[in-house]
Amino acid sequence: MRLQEQFVQAQADSKNLPERPDNMTLLKIYGLYKQASAGDATGERPGFTDMVGRAKFDAWDGFKSVSEDDAMQQYVDLIEELKDE
C-alpha cells in the first residue's frame, strides 16, 4: 500500500481508536497531520487568550522542516501504535 493510502487509512482509523489518547498525544497527532497535509506552519501564532489554538499551532510548528512524507509516515506509525494499545 502506498504511503498516501496508508495516511488516508490512518485518518479513518484515528476516529475509531480503542480509547481516547491523552491531550499531548492528540496534539502530536494534530501536528503530524497538519505537517503532512499542509507543510510548515503558516500564519501568526494565536494570542495567549486562545490557549487551544496556540497549543495546536505550537504542535504543528514543532514539526517544522519535517518533510510531508516523513510526517505522513510518523502519523501512520503513531496511529498504528495507538490501535494496538
Protein backbone atom coordinates (compact mmCIF):
# COMPACT_ATOMS: atom_id res chain seq x y z
CA MET A 1 0.00 0.00 0.00
CA ARG A 2 1.34 3.44 -0.91
CA LEU A 3 2.15 5.92 1.85
CA GLN A 4 -0.68 8.25 0.78
CA GLU A 5 -3.16 5.37 1.02
CA GLN A 6 -1.80 4.38 4.44
CA PHE A 7 -2.16 8.02 5.56
CA VAL A 8 -5.80 8.15 4.45
CA GLN A 9 -6.47 4.83 6.20
CA ALA A 10 -4.77 6.08 9.38
CA GLN A 11 -7.02 9.17 9.33
CA ALA A 12 -10.07 6.90 9.28
CA ASP A 13 -8.56 4.64 11.96
CA SER A 14 -7.85 7.64 14.20
CA LYS A 15 -11.60 8.15 14.62
CA ASN A 16 -12.05 4.59 15.96
CA LEU A 17 -9.22 4.15 18.44
CA PRO A 18 -9.92 1.80 21.36
CA GLU A 19 -9.50 4.67 23.84
CA ARG A 20 -9.12 8.43 23.59
CA PRO A 21 -5.43 9.47 23.61
CA ASP A 22 -4.19 11.97 26.19
CA ASN A 23 -4.00 15.64 25.19
CA MET A 24 -0.27 15.57 24.41
CA THR A 25 -0.78 12.63 22.04
CA LEU A 26 -3.77 14.36 20.44
CA LEU A 27 -1.61 17.43 19.83
CA LYS A 28 1.10 15.25 18.28
CA ILE A 29 -1.49 13.62 16.01
CA TYR A 30 -2.75 17.08 15.01
CA GLY A 31 0.75 18.44 14.38
CA LEU A 32 1.77 15.47 12.25
CA TYR A 33 -1.49 15.61 10.29
CA LYS A 34 -1.08 19.33 9.55
CA GLN A 35 2.60 18.94 8.61
CA ALA A 36 1.78 16.01 6.32
CA SER A 37 -1.16 17.73 4.66
CA ALA A 38 -0.12 21.40 4.60
CA GLY A 39 3.63 21.59 5.19
CA ASP A 40 5.26 24.01 7.64
CA ALA A 41 3.03 26.07 9.94
CA THR A 42 1.88 29.35 8.46
CA GLY A 43 0.19 32.42 9.80
CA GLU A 44 0.51 34.10 13.14
CA ARG A 45 0.72 32.21 16.40
CA PRO A 46 -2.57 32.72 18.27
CA GLY A 47 -2.50 35.00 21.28
CA PHE A 48 -2.34 33.80 24.87
CA THR A 49 -6.12 34.12 25.26
CA ASP A 50 -6.63 31.36 22.65
CA MET A 51 -4.93 28.57 24.56
CA VAL A 52 -6.30 25.74 22.41
CA GLY A 53 -5.40 27.47 19.14
CA ARG A 54 -1.96 28.30 20.49
CA ALA A 55 -1.32 24.69 21.61
CA LYS A 56 -2.42 23.37 18.21
CA PHE A 57 -0.23 25.91 16.37
CA ASP A 58 2.76 25.02 18.57
CA ALA A 59 2.19 21.29 17.97
CA TRP A 60 2.17 21.87 14.20
CA ASP A 61 5.13 24.26 14.34
CA GLY A 62 7.06 21.63 16.32
CA PHE A 63 7.32 19.57 13.14
CA LYS A 64 8.76 22.44 11.09
CA SER A 65 11.16 21.23 8.38
CA VAL A 66 9.89 17.63 8.60
CA SER A 67 9.11 16.52 5.06
CA GLU A 68 5.50 15.76 4.19
CA ASP A 69 6.38 12.10 3.56
CA ASP A 70 8.20 11.79 6.91
CA ALA A 71 5.26 13.40 8.70
CA MET A 72 2.85 11.02 6.95
CA GLN A 73 4.93 8.02 7.99
CA GLN A 74 5.16 9.21 11.60
CA TYR A 75 1.39 9.80 11.63
CA VAL A 76 0.70 6.31 10.26
CA ASP A 77 3.11 4.74 12.78
CA LEU A 78 1.57 6.64 15.71
CA ILE A 79 -1.99 5.67 14.80
CA GLU A 80 -0.94 2.03 14.37
CA GLU A 81 0.71 2.13 17.80
CA LEU A 82 -2.45 3.61 19.36
CA LYS A 83 -4.66 0.98 17.67
CA ASP A 84 -2.65 -1.78 19.31
CA GLU A 85 -2.97 -0.41 22.85
